[in-house]
């Protein structure tokens, strides 16, 4: 009977993130009827402090004897954690949205897999796509103070410029509602009618505030929006309305949307709704996919000599996920499809 350790994050933007992620993991194991599974759960807050994460992980490995630990944290935490898992001969899965570039570890880490939603890759593809569309070479770059601290903003910006585009104006706003103000952004839009393209990297409430505040000027200026993955997400949170009214034609690359037309996705949506009693979102999908990866590892571990051998057997193996086939590449990162979507 395997024991799965899970380190859950906190979030001011998405209050339900830990709950949705955990429910995704548990519902996936139940869907695949993977026998009796024991779960040990720890909380790591915002996942910023190495020592706190190490202490929580150490408890799961040593005191709770977990076979696998799934940590919702940044890739860079692996440098401090992997010696613990190497000594114990257990597997660590670091999972996140992928809003930072993969960390270059030298020497490479062992006993560790990196599972992200590849947000940086999606943003890079969106920036590249935006530069090649009609509407001129110039663009306005929009991000919140929160999102601007991650590399997905750089990925979209860099791809746009490498593909021949030019950023004409940067707008960064605070993610707190009480400090929200778009006066400078509106002034630029009015004074620069030829700059139609908007590159937007926004999470949570801020995207909704922007859409609502720019609704009038959007109708007048016919701005072309190119958005980061989280702007297509419908995760409930501390929002004024269940779903925002987004600019017509807003497009971009994303990792998953509920509308993906494949049997695995439909099975996931149906089972999650039946099991949990609510609609699946990106975080429950992330939990589900981590469970898929864990199940595949545990299957390999039955015959492999050790954890490293089991990881080797997994490398390159396709795993059917709701967002399409995913696989583990040689640097131990999960790769998955990216989809170009458009709001209608």
Protein backbone atom coordinates (compact mmCIF):
# COMPACT_ATOMS: atom_id res chain seq x y z
CA UNK A 1 0.00 0.00 0.00
CA UNK A 2 1.79 3.18 -1.15
CA UNK A 3 1.94 6.30 0.96
CA UNK A 4 1.84 9.59 -0.93
CA UNK A 5 3.11 12.77 0.71
CA UNK A 6 1.75 16.08 -0.52
CA UNK A 7 3.06 19.56 0.30
CA UNK A 8 0.31 22.07 -0.41
CA UNK A 9 0.76 25.79 -1.13
CA UNK A 10 -1.18 28.85 -0.05
CA UNK A 11 -2.28 31.65 -2.37
CA UNK A 12 -3.83 35.07 -1.96
CA UNK A 13 -4.99 34.98 -5.60
CA UNK A 14 -6.54 31.49 -5.59
CA UNK A 15 -7.84 30.58 -2.12
CA UNK A 16 -8.90 27.08 -3.22
CA UNK A 17 -5.60 26.10 -4.84
CA UNK A 18 -4.51 23.53 -2.23
CA UNK A 19 -7.94 21.99 -1.90
CA UNK A 20 -8.44 21.68 -5.67
CA UNK A 21 -4.96 20.23 -6.18
CA UNK A 22 -5.43 17.61 -3.44
CA UNK A 23 -8.88 16.65 -4.72
CA UNK A 24 -7.41 16.21 -8.18
CA UNK A 25 -4.82 13.77 -6.86
CA UNK A 26 -7.27 11.73 -4.81
CA UNK A 27 -9.92 11.56 -7.53
CA UNK A 28 -7.35 10.32 -10.07
CA UNK A 29 -6.19 7.47 -7.83
CA UNK A 30 -9.83 6.52 -7.26
CA UNK A 31 -10.65 6.72 -10.98
CA UNK A 32 -7.81 4.32 -11.80
CA UNK A 33 -8.83 2.06 -8.89
CA UNK A 34 -5.27 2.03 -7.62
CA UNK A 35 -5.90 -0.05 -4.49
CA UNK A 36 -5.47 1.43 -1.04
CA UNK A 37 -3.47 4.64 -0.95
CA UNK A 38 -2.50 6.51 2.20
CA UNK A 39 -2.08 10.30 2.02
CA UNK A 40 0.07 12.44 4.29
CA UNK A 41 -0.43 16.18 3.79
CA UNK A 42 1.70 19.11 4.88
CA UNK A 43 1.22 22.85 4.36
CA UNK A 44 4.07 25.05 3.11
CA UNK A 45 2.31 28.41 2.87
CA UNK A 46 3.59 30.40 -0.07
CA UNK A 47 6.50 27.99 -0.55
CA UNK A 48 9.23 30.62 -0.41
CA UNK A 49 11.46 29.39 2.43
CA UNK A 50 13.84 26.50 1.80
CA UNK A 51 14.20 25.55 5.45
CA UNK A 52 10.46 25.35 6.07
CA UNK A 53 9.90 23.22 2.98
CA UNK A 54 12.80 20.95 3.92
CA UNK A 55 11.40 20.41 7.43
CA UNK A 56 7.96 19.55 6.03
CA UNK A 57 9.46 17.20 3.44
CA UNK A 58 11.71 15.54 6.00
CA UNK A 59 8.68 14.70 8.16
CA UNK A 60 6.94 13.08 5.19
CA UNK A 61 10.00 11.02 4.27
CA UNK A 62 11.29 10.04 7.71
CA UNK A 63 8.32 10.06 10.11
CA UNK A 64 5.55 9.19 7.64
CA UNK A 65 7.64 6.88 5.39
CA UNK A 66 6.14 8.24 2.18
CA UNK A 67 7.07 6.47 -1.05
CA UNK A 68 6.54 9.60 -3.13
CA UNK A 69 6.34 13.26 -2.12
CA UNK A 70 4.63 15.78 -4.39
CA UNK A 71 5.70 19.33 -3.50
CA UNK A 72 3.86 22.31 -4.98
CA UNK A 73 6.91 24.57 -5.02
CA UNK A 74 9.49 26.22 -7.25
CA UNK A 75 12.05 24.11 -9.12
CA UNK A 76 14.94 25.74 -7.29
CA UNK A 77 13.86 24.10 -4.01
CA UNK A 78 15.01 20.75 -5.43
CA UNK A 79 18.67 21.66 -4.81
CA UNK A 80 18.12 21.49 -1.05
CA UNK A 81 15.62 18.65 -1.10
CA UNK A 82 17.07 16.05 -3.44
CA UNK A 83 19.91 14.89 -1.10
CA UNK A 84 17.22 13.95 1.43
CA UNK A 85 15.34 11.88 -1.13
CA UNK A 86 18.52 10.35 -2.53
CA UNK A 87 19.49 9.20 0.97
CA UNK A 88 16.03 7.73 1.56
CA UNK A 89 15.72 6.21 -1.92
CA UNK A 90 12.35 7.92 -2.40
CA UNK A 91 10.88 10.02 -5.22
CA UNK A 92 10.31 13.78 -5.11
CA UNK A 93 8.01 15.45 -7.65
CA UNK A 94 8.31 19.22 -7.82
CA UNK A 95 5.19 20.71 -9.39
CA UNK A 96 4.20 24.27 -10.30
CA UNK A 97 2.64 26.34 -13.06
CA UNK A 98 5.92 26.77 -14.90
CA UNK A 99 6.01 30.56 -14.55
CA UNK A 100 9.79 30.44 -14.20
CA UNK A 101 12.31 28.91 -16.60
CA UNK A 102 13.66 25.45 -15.71
CA UNK A 103 16.58 25.59 -13.28
CA UNK A 104 19.98 24.44 -14.62
CA UNK A 105 21.31 22.09 -11.92
CA UNK A 106 25.01 21.22 -11.97
CA UNK A 107 25.46 18.44 -11.11
CA UNK A 108 21.99 17.20 -12.13
CA UNK A 109 19.58 16.31 -9.36
CA UNK A 110 18.61 12.71 -8.67
CA UNK A 111 15.44 11.10 -7.29
CA UNK A 112 13.50 14.13 -8.58
CA UNK A 113 11.01 14.85 -11.37
CA UNK A 114 9.80 18.28 -12.44
CA UNK A 115 6.17 18.59 -13.42
CA UNK A 116 4.96 22.01 -14.52
CA UNK A 117 2.13 23.37 -16.64
CA UNK A 118 4.74 24.98 -18.91
CA UNK A 119 3.39 28.54 -18.61
CA UNK A 120 6.68 30.06 -19.79
CA UNK A 121 6.56 27.98 -22.95
CA UNK A 122 2.95 28.96 -23.61
CA UNK A 123 3.78 32.65 -23.09
CA UNK A 124 6.77 32.38 -25.44
CA UNK A 125 4.59 30.82 -28.13
CA UNK A 126 1.96 33.54 -27.61
CA UNK A 127 4.52 36.34 -27.97
CA UNK A 128 5.88 34.78 -31.13
CA UNK A 129 2.39 34.33 -32.55
CA UNK A 130 1.37 37.92 -31.73
CA UNK A 131 4.35 39.40 -33.56
CA UNK A 132 3.37 37.58 -36.75
CA UNK A 133 -0.25 38.72 -36.84
CA UNK A 134 -1.59 41.73 -38.71
CA UNK A 135 -1.99 44.94 -36.75
CA UNK A 136 1.48 46.46 -36.77
CA UNK A 137 4.74 45.72 -35.00
CA UNK A 138 4.04 47.69 -31.82
CA UNK A 139 2.41 46.39 -28.64
CA UNK A 140 1.51 47.38 -25.12
CA UNK A 141 2.78 45.01 -22.40
CA UNK A 142 0.45 44.59 -19.42
CA UNK A 143 1.31 42.75 -16.20
CA UNK A 144 0.48 43.00 -12.53
CA UNK A 145 3.07 43.61 -9.85
CA UNK A 146 2.60 39.95 -8.87
CA UNK A 147 2.96 38.46 -12.36
CA UNK A 148 5.86 40.74 -13.22
CA UNK A 149 7.97 38.88 -10.65
CA UNK A 150 7.95 35.69 -12.72
CA UNK A 151 9.70 34.76 -15.96
CA UNK A 152 6.56 34.12 -18.02
CA UNK A 153 6.35 37.89 -18.53
CA UNK A 154 9.87 37.88 -19.96
CA UNK A 155 9.04 34.86 -22.13
CA UNK A 156 6.16 36.61 -23.89
CA UNK A 157 8.00 39.93 -24.18
CA UNK A 158 11.21 38.33 -25.44
CA UNK A 159 9.49 36.13 -28.03
CA UNK A 160 7.53 39.11 -29.37
CA UNK A 161 10.69 41.18 -29.85
CA UNK A 162 12.75 38.30 -31.25
CA UNK A 163 10.02 37.84 -33.84
CA UNK A 164 10.19 41.46 -35.01
CA UNK A 165 7.80 43.19 -32.60
CA UNK A 166 8.49 46.24 -30.44
CA UNK A 167 7.11 47.04 -26.98
CA UNK A 168 5.86 50.63 -27.06
CA UNK A 169 4.50 50.88 -23.54
CA UNK A 170 4.79 48.90 -20.31
CA UNK A 171 1.96 48.93 -17.81
CA UNK A 172 2.34 47.28 -14.41
CA UNK A 173 -0.37 47.48 -11.78
CA UNK A 174 -0.71 46.27 -8.23
CA UNK A 175 -2.67 43.06 -7.78
CA UNK A 176 -4.66 44.51 -4.86
CA UNK A 177 -8.07 45.88 -5.79
CA UNK A 178 -7.76 48.96 -3.60
CA UNK A 179 -4.59 50.02 -5.42
CA UNK A 180 -5.91 49.34 -8.92
CA UNK A 181 -5.57 52.20 -11.43
CA UNK A 182 -5.41 52.23 -15.23
CA UNK A 183 -5.16 55.97 -15.93
CA UNK A 184 -1.71 55.82 -17.53
CA UNK A 185 -2.69 52.81 -19.62
CA UNK A 186 -5.86 54.50 -20.90
CA UNK A 187 -3.92 57.65 -21.73
CA UNK A 188 -1.40 55.71 -23.80
CA UNK A 189 -4.11 53.84 -25.68
CA UNK A 190 -5.93 57.06 -26.56
CA UNK A 191 -2.72 58.82 -27.65
CA UNK A 192 -1.40 55.87 -29.69
CA UNK A 193 -4.26 54.63 -31.82
CA UNK A 194 -1.87 52.73 -34.09
CA UNK A 195 -0.71 50.40 -31.28
CA UNK A 196 -3.43 47.77 -31.34
CA UNK A 197 -1.70 44.73 -29.88
CA UNK A 198 -1.83 44.04 -26.16
CA UNK A 199 0.43 41.40 -24.57
CA UNK A 200 -1.13 40.54 -21.22
CA UNK A 201 0.25 38.43 -18.37
CA UNK A 202 -2.29 38.60 -15.56
CA UNK A 203 -3.58 36.27 -12.84
CA UNK A 204 -6.68 36.19 -10.69
CA UNK A 205 -8.70 39.31 -9.96
CA UNK A 206 -6.42 41.68 -11.83
CA UNK A 207 -7.42 40.30 -15.23
CA UNK A 208 -11.07 40.85 -14.35
CA UNK A 209 -10.42 44.39 -13.14
CA UNK A 210 -8.57 45.18 -16.37
CA UNK A 211 -11.31 43.75 -18.60
CA UNK A 212 -14.01 45.68 -16.77
CA UNK A 213 -12.10 48.96 -16.57
CA UNK A 214 -11.08 48.92 -20.24
CA UNK A 215 -14.44 47.78 -21.64
CA UNK A 216 -15.36 51.20 -23.06
CA UNK A 217 -11.97 51.96 -24.58
CA UNK A 218 -11.80 48.39 -25.90
CA UNK A 219 -14.96 48.99 -27.92
CA UNK A 220 -13.53 52.21 -29.33
CA UNK A 221 -9.97 51.08 -30.02
CA UNK A 222 -10.54 47.44 -31.05
CA UNK A 223 -7.43 46.27 -29.21
CA UNK A 224 -6.00 42.86 -30.11
CA UNK A 225 -5.35 40.86 -26.94
CA UNK A 226 -2.72 38.11 -26.63
CA UNK A 227 -2.98 36.49 -23.22
CA UNK A 228 -1.12 34.27 -20.78
CA UNK A 229 -2.58 30.85 -19.85
CA UNK A 230 -4.13 31.90 -16.55
CA UNK A 231 -6.29 34.47 -18.35
CA UNK A 232 -8.21 31.60 -19.94
CA UNK A 233 -8.75 29.88 -16.60
CA UNK A 234 -12.14 29.92 -14.86
CA UNK A 235 -10.92 28.95 -11.39
CA UNK A 236 -13.28 30.38 -8.78
CA UNK A 237 -11.71 32.71 -6.25
CA UNK A 238 -12.35 36.03 -4.57
CA UNK A 239 -14.03 37.33 -7.72
CA UNK A 240 -16.97 39.63 -8.33
CA UNK A 241 -18.50 37.27 -10.89
CA UNK A 242 -18.12 33.57 -11.79
CA UNK A 243 -16.67 34.26 -15.24
CA UNK A 244 -15.26 37.51 -16.59
CA UNK A 245 -16.38 39.15 -19.82
CA UNK A 246 -13.17 38.97 -21.87
CA UNK A 247 -12.28 40.98 -24.97
CA UNK A 248 -13.68 39.36 -28.09
CA UNK A 249 -11.01 37.48 -30.01
CA UNK A 250 -8.50 37.39 -27.15
CA UNK A 251 -6.13 34.56 -27.98
CA UNK A 252 -3.01 32.81 -26.77
CA UNK A 253 -1.42 29.47 -26.09
CA UNK A 254 -2.48 27.58 -23.00
CA UNK A 255 -1.88 24.18 -21.44
CA UNK A 256 -5.47 23.10 -20.81
CA UNK A 257 -9.07 24.25 -21.07
CA UNK A 258 -12.13 22.18 -20.15
CA UNK A 259 -13.32 22.29 -23.76
CA UNK A 260 -10.49 20.07 -25.07
CA UNK A 261 -12.15 17.40 -27.19
CA UNK A 262 -10.61 14.08 -26.21
CA UNK A 263 -11.90 11.04 -24.34
CA UNK A 264 -9.38 11.29 -21.51
CA UNK A 265 -10.35 14.89 -20.76
CA UNK A 266 -14.05 14.07 -20.81
CA UNK A 267 -13.50 11.13 -18.46
CA UNK A 268 -11.56 13.42 -16.11
CA UNK A 269 -14.26 16.13 -16.15
CA UNK A 270 -17.09 13.64 -15.61
CA UNK A 271 -15.40 11.68 -12.82
CA UNK A 272 -14.22 14.80 -10.99
CA UNK A 273 -17.71 16.33 -11.11
CA UNK A 274 -19.26 13.09 -9.86
CA UNK A 275 -16.64 12.51 -7.16
CA UNK A 276 -16.12 16.06 -5.86
CA UNK A 277 -19.43 17.69 -6.77
CA UNK A 278 -18.00 20.68 -8.63
CA UNK A 279 -16.39 21.53 -11.95
CA UNK A 280 -12.72 20.73 -12.49
CA UNK A 281 -10.26 23.59 -12.91
CA UNK A 282 -6.59 23.97 -13.79
CA UNK A 283 -5.42 23.11 -10.27
CA UNK A 284 -7.50 19.94 -10.03
CA UNK A 285 -6.13 19.03 -13.48
CA UNK A 286 -2.62 19.59 -12.14
CA UNK A 287 -3.29 17.31 -9.19
CA UNK A 288 -4.82 14.66 -11.46
CA UNK A 289 -1.76 14.74 -13.72
CA UNK A 290 0.66 14.43 -10.80
CA UNK A 291 -1.29 11.36 -9.69
CA UNK A 292 -0.97 9.90 -13.21
CA UNK A 293 2.78 10.43 -13.06
CA UNK A 294 2.94 8.85 -9.59
CA UNK A 295 0.94 5.82 -10.70
CA UNK A 296 3.27 5.27 -13.65
CA UNK A 297 6.31 5.57 -11.37
CA UNK A 298 4.90 3.11 -8.81
CA UNK A 299 4.25 0.62 -11.60
CA UNK A 300 7.86 0.91 -12.79
CA UNK A 301 9.18 0.72 -9.24
CA UNK A 302 7.72 -2.78 -8.78
CA UNK A 303 10.36 -4.27 -11.07
CA UNK A 304 13.08 -1.59 -11.18
CA UNK A 305 16.15 -1.99 -8.98
CA UNK A 306 15.75 1.43 -7.39
CA UNK A 307 14.16 4.85 -7.78
CA UNK A 308 16.66 6.06 -10.36
CA UNK A 309 16.09 2.96 -12.48
CA UNK A 310 12.33 3.49 -12.33
CA UNK A 311 12.77 7.10 -13.47
CA UNK A 312 14.93 5.86 -16.33
CA UNK A 313 12.19 3.48 -17.41
CA UNK A 314 9.69 6.36 -17.39
CA UNK A 315 11.80 8.62 -19.60
CA UNK A 316 10.16 9.09 -22.99
CA UNK A 317 7.09 7.06 -22.00
CA UNK A 318 3.82 8.64 -23.16
CA UNK A 319 1.16 9.10 -20.49
CA UNK A 320 -2.43 9.84 -21.51
CA UNK A 321 -3.52 13.01 -19.73
CA UNK A 322 -6.65 15.17 -20.07
CA UNK A 323 -4.50 17.74 -21.91
CA UNK A 324 -3.10 15.16 -24.33
CA UNK A 325 -0.11 12.82 -24.14
CA UNK A 326 2.60 13.99 -21.76
CA UNK A 327 6.07 12.53 -21.36
CA UNK A 328 9.20 12.80 -19.23
CA UNK A 329 12.22 14.09 -21.14
CA UNK A 330 15.86 13.38 -20.29
CA UNK A 331 16.31 16.47 -18.12
CA UNK A 332 13.41 15.12 -16.03
CA UNK A 333 10.86 17.75 -17.00
CA UNK A 334 7.36 16.87 -18.14
CA UNK A 335 6.46 18.12 -21.61
CA UNK A 336 2.89 18.39 -22.86
CA UNK A 337 0.90 19.91 -25.72
CA UNK A 338 0.19 23.63 -25.95
CA UNK A 339 -3.07 24.82 -27.50
CA UNK A 340 -3.83 28.07 -29.33
CA UNK A 341 -7.24 29.17 -28.08
CA UNK A 342 -9.47 32.17 -28.70
CA UNK A 343 -12.22 33.78 -26.63
CA UNK A 344 -15.56 34.07 -28.42
